[in-house]
Amino acid sequence: MALDDFLVHRCTIQRAPNAEETPTRGSSGEALKVFADHITLLPCRLVVQDERMASPSGFLFATTYRLIIPANRDVRAGDRVSEVVMDDLSTQGPFTIESVIPRLARSSQHHITMRLEKVK
């Protein structure tokens, strides 16, 4: 199965412009991070995994999110995934991109895996 067959979701990646170029301030003067669409309708695959971990207070569940996208896309840690449209047209998100991990094939980059954190 080709990678394109595996990427059944569509996502929107947002990036905050440089604060020095376009400063945005809140009502009390604090600097705000405003995101704008950077890449839209990007083929992707959202992978959600639950893990059960032992702790002194009993078992806890941790949910991790990963996003797989095609190779050589301009994404970086700190960008935001504003929305992931699933194959049933439901949506997930927003998420902050915590890390970007290029996955290599024999001679070039095969795809990118990103570790996500759900925005609360």
C-alpha atoms as a PDB file:
ATOM      1  CA  MET A   1       0.000   0.000   0.000  1.00  0.00           C
ATOM      2  CA  ALA A   2       1.377   3.419  -0.980  1.00  0.00           C
ATOM      3  CA  LEU A   3       1.674   6.216   1.562  1.00  0.00           C
ATOM      4  CA  ASP A   4      -0.976   8.246  -0.278  1.00  0.00           C
ATOM      5  CA  ASP A   5      -3.512   5.464   0.329  1.00  0.00           C
ATOM      6  CA  PHE A   6      -2.756   5.634   4.058  1.00  0.00           C
ATOM      7  CA  LEU A   7      -3.265   9.426   4.356  1.00  0.00           C
ATOM      8  CA  VAL A   8      -7.069   9.444   4.430  1.00  0.00           C
ATOM      9  CA  HIS A   9      -7.561  12.593   6.543  1.00  0.00           C
ATOM     10  CA  ARG A  10      -7.152  16.284   5.595  1.00  0.00           C
ATOM     11  CA  CYS A  11      -5.660  18.888   7.903  1.00  0.00           C
ATOM     12  CA  THR A  12      -4.918  22.599   8.152  1.00  0.00           C
ATOM     13  CA  ILE A  13      -1.561  23.753   9.516  1.00  0.00           C
ATOM     14  CA  GLN A  14      -1.377  27.267  10.955  1.00  0.00           C
ATOM     15  CA  ARG A  15       1.652  29.406  11.774  1.00  0.00           C
ATOM     16  CA  ALA A  16       1.989  32.485  13.942  1.00  0.00           C
ATOM     17  CA  PRO A  17       3.620  35.345  12.054  1.00  0.00           C
ATOM     18  CA  ASN A  18       6.782  36.854  13.494  1.00  0.00           C
ATOM     19  CA  ALA A  19       5.764  39.081  16.444  1.00  0.00           C
ATOM     20  CA  GLU A  20       8.274  41.792  15.447  1.00  0.00           C
ATOM     21  CA  GLU A  21       6.743  42.093  11.974  1.00  0.00           C
ATOM     22  CA  THR A  22       3.076  42.171  12.969  1.00  0.00           C
ATOM     23  CA  PRO A  23       2.643  42.710  16.717  1.00  0.00           C
ATOM     24  CA  THR A  24      -0.800  41.851  18.055  1.00  0.00           C
ATOM     25  CA  ARG A  25      -1.842  43.067  21.492  1.00  0.00           C
ATOM     26  CA  GLY A  26      -4.702  42.062  23.746  1.00  0.00           C
ATOM     27  CA  SER A  27      -7.037  44.448  25.565  1.00  0.00           C
ATOM     28  CA  SER A  28      -4.600  44.818  28.482  1.00  0.00           C
ATOM     29  CA  GLY A  29      -1.528  45.204  26.255  1.00  0.00           C
ATOM     30  CA  GLU A  30      -0.238  41.623  26.460  1.00  0.00           C
ATOM     31  CA  ALA A  31       1.313  40.101  23.341  1.00  0.00           C
ATOM     32  CA  LEU A  32      -1.023  37.631  21.638  1.00  0.00           C
ATOM     33  CA  LYS A  33      -0.023  34.761  19.398  1.00  0.00           C
ATOM     34  CA  VAL A  34      -2.343  34.911  16.404  1.00  0.00           C
ATOM     35  CA  PHE A  35      -2.237  32.017  13.953  1.00  0.00           C
ATOM     36  CA  ALA A  36      -2.963  32.195  10.217  1.00  0.00           C
ATOM     37  CA  ASP A  37      -3.463  29.323   7.759  1.00  0.00           C
ATOM     38  CA  HIS A  38      -0.127  28.110   6.395  1.00  0.00           C
ATOM     39  CA  ILE A  39      -1.052  24.823   4.615  1.00  0.00           C
ATOM     40  CA  THR A  40      -4.650  23.788   3.901  1.00  0.00           C
ATOM     41  CA  LEU A  41      -6.195  20.502   2.754  1.00  0.00           C
ATOM     42  CA  LEU A  42      -2.957  18.642   3.495  1.00  0.00           C
ATOM     43  CA  PRO A  43      -3.309  14.843   3.216  1.00  0.00           C
ATOM     44  CA  CYS A  44      -2.543  13.391   6.646  1.00  0.00           C
ATOM     45  CA  ARG A  45      -3.286  10.599   9.100  1.00  0.00           C
ATOM     46  CA  LEU A  46      -4.142  11.290  12.761  1.00  0.00           C
ATOM     47  CA  VAL A  47      -3.077   8.463  15.067  1.00  0.00           C
ATOM     48  CA  VAL A  48      -4.585   8.460  18.573  1.00  0.00           C
ATOM     49  CA  GLN A  49      -3.189   6.067  21.151  1.00  0.00           C
ATOM     50  CA  ASP A  50      -4.239   5.444  24.757  1.00  0.00           C
ATOM     51  CA  GLU A  51      -1.747   4.055  27.236  1.00  0.00           C
ATOM     52  CA  ARG A  52      -2.432   2.725  30.702  1.00  0.00           C
ATOM     53  CA  MET A  53       0.261   3.679  33.212  1.00  0.00           C
ATOM     54  CA  ALA A  54       0.672   2.650  36.834  1.00  0.00           C
ATOM     55  CA  SER A  55       0.974   5.393  39.437  1.00  0.00           C
ATOM     56  CA  PRO A  56       0.819   5.502  43.244  1.00  0.00           C
ATOM     57  CA  SER A  57      -2.855   6.514  43.010  1.00  0.00           C
ATOM     58  CA  GLY A  58      -3.766   3.673  40.646  1.00  0.00           C
ATOM     59  CA  PHE A  59      -3.810   3.309  36.903  1.00  0.00           C
ATOM     60  CA  LEU A  60      -3.891   6.447  34.761  1.00  0.00           C
ATOM     61  CA  PHE A  61      -4.651   6.749  31.071  1.00  0.00           C
ATOM     62  CA  ALA A  62      -2.546   8.972  28.816  1.00  0.00           C
ATOM     63  CA  THR A  63      -3.664   9.804  25.304  1.00  0.00           C
ATOM     64  CA  THR A  64      -1.002  10.596  22.714  1.00  0.00           C
ATOM     65  CA  TYR A  65      -1.581  12.153  19.305  1.00  0.00           C
ATOM     66  CA  ARG A  66       0.626  11.798  16.228  1.00  0.00           C
ATOM     67  CA  LEU A  67       0.103  13.180  12.753  1.00  0.00           C
ATOM     68  CA  ILE A  68       1.668  11.675   9.634  1.00  0.00           C
ATOM     69  CA  ILE A  69       2.071  13.900   6.562  1.00  0.00           C
ATOM     70  CA  PRO A  70       3.904  13.621   3.217  1.00  0.00           C
ATOM     71  CA  ALA A  71       7.634  14.384   3.074  1.00  0.00           C
ATOM     72  CA  ASN A  72       9.242  17.787   2.571  1.00  0.00           C
ATOM     73  CA  ARG A  73       6.472  19.994   3.951  1.00  0.00           C
ATOM     74  CA  ASP A  74       7.245  23.277   5.701  1.00  0.00           C
ATOM     75  CA  VAL A  75       6.150  22.480   9.265  1.00  0.00           C
ATOM     76  CA  ARG A  76       7.928  23.128  12.546  1.00  0.00           C
ATOM     77  CA  ALA A  77       7.465  22.788  16.269  1.00  0.00           C
ATOM     78  CA  GLY A  78       5.257  25.591  17.543  1.00  0.00           C
ATOM     79  CA  ASP A  79       2.944  25.535  14.527  1.00  0.00           C
ATOM     80  CA  ARG A  80      -0.660  24.550  15.111  1.00  0.00           C
ATOM     81  CA  VAL A  81      -2.912  21.942  13.502  1.00  0.00           C
ATOM     82  CA  SER A  82      -6.180  23.841  13.607  1.00  0.00           C
ATOM     83  CA  GLU A  83      -8.370  21.050  12.282  1.00  0.00           C
ATOM     84  CA  VAL A  84      -8.146  17.454  11.112  1.00  0.00           C
ATOM     85  CA  VAL A  85     -11.050  16.323   8.943  1.00  0.00           C
ATOM     86  CA  MET A  86     -11.520  12.596   9.449  1.00  0.00           C
ATOM     87  CA  ASP A  87     -12.741  10.173   6.766  1.00  0.00           C
ATOM     88  CA  ASP A  88     -16.292  10.326   8.213  1.00  0.00           C
ATOM     89  CA  LEU A  89     -16.148  14.191   7.975  1.00  0.00           C
ATOM     90  CA  SER A  90     -15.965  14.666  11.750  1.00  0.00           C
ATOM     91  CA  THR A  91     -13.216  16.999  12.956  1.00  0.00           C
ATOM     92  CA  GLN A  92     -10.495  16.862  15.600  1.00  0.00           C
ATOM     93  CA  GLY A  93      -8.346  19.667  16.966  1.00  0.00           C
ATOM     94  CA  PRO A  94      -6.825  22.090  17.539  1.00  0.00           C
ATOM     95  CA  PHE A  95      -3.378  20.705  18.384  1.00  0.00           C
ATOM     96  CA  THR A  96       0.025  22.281  18.968  1.00  0.00           C
ATOM     97  CA  ILE A  97       2.937  20.644  17.142  1.00  0.00           C
ATOM     98  CA  GLU A  98       5.426  19.612  19.835  1.00  0.00           C
ATOM     99  CA  SER A  99       8.024  17.921  17.610  1.00  0.00           C
ATOM    100  CA  VAL A 100       8.630  17.204  13.935  1.00  0.00           C
ATOM    101  CA  ILE A 101      10.365  13.916  13.110  1.00  0.00           C
ATOM    102  CA  PRO A 102      11.440  13.275   9.508  1.00  0.00           C
ATOM    103  CA  ARG A 103      11.191   9.594   8.575  1.00  0.00           C
ATOM    104  CA  LEU A 104      13.747   8.464   6.044  1.00  0.00           C
ATOM    105  CA  ALA A 105      13.614   5.923   3.242  1.00  0.00           C
ATOM    106  CA  ARG A 106      16.737   4.498   1.627  1.00  0.00           C
ATOM    107  CA  SER A 107      17.763   7.625  -0.252  1.00  0.00           C
ATOM    108  CA  SER A 108      15.360  10.401   0.768  1.00  0.00           C
ATOM    109  CA  GLN A 109      12.689  11.472   3.210  1.00  0.00           C
ATOM    110  CA  HIS A 110       9.637   9.163   3.153  1.00  0.00           C
ATOM    111  CA  HIS A 111       7.207  11.079   5.385  1.00  0.00           C
ATOM    112  CA  ILE A 112       7.019  13.276   8.485  1.00  0.00           C
ATOM    113  CA  THR A 113       5.620  12.253  11.863  1.00  0.00           C
ATOM    114  CA  MET A 114       4.633  14.995  14.295  1.00  0.00           C
ATOM    115  CA  ARG A 115       3.933  14.649  17.993  1.00  0.00           C
ATOM    116  CA  LEU A 116       0.899  16.745  18.922  1.00  0.00           C
ATOM    117  CA  GLU A 117      -0.512  18.195  22.131  1.00  0.00           C
ATOM    118  CA  LYS A 118      -4.257  18.947  22.284  1.00  0.00           C
ATOM    119  CA  VAL A 119      -4.989  22.637  22.892  1.00  0.00           C
ATOM    120  CA  LYS A 120      -7.163  23.036  25.967  1.00  0.00           C
END
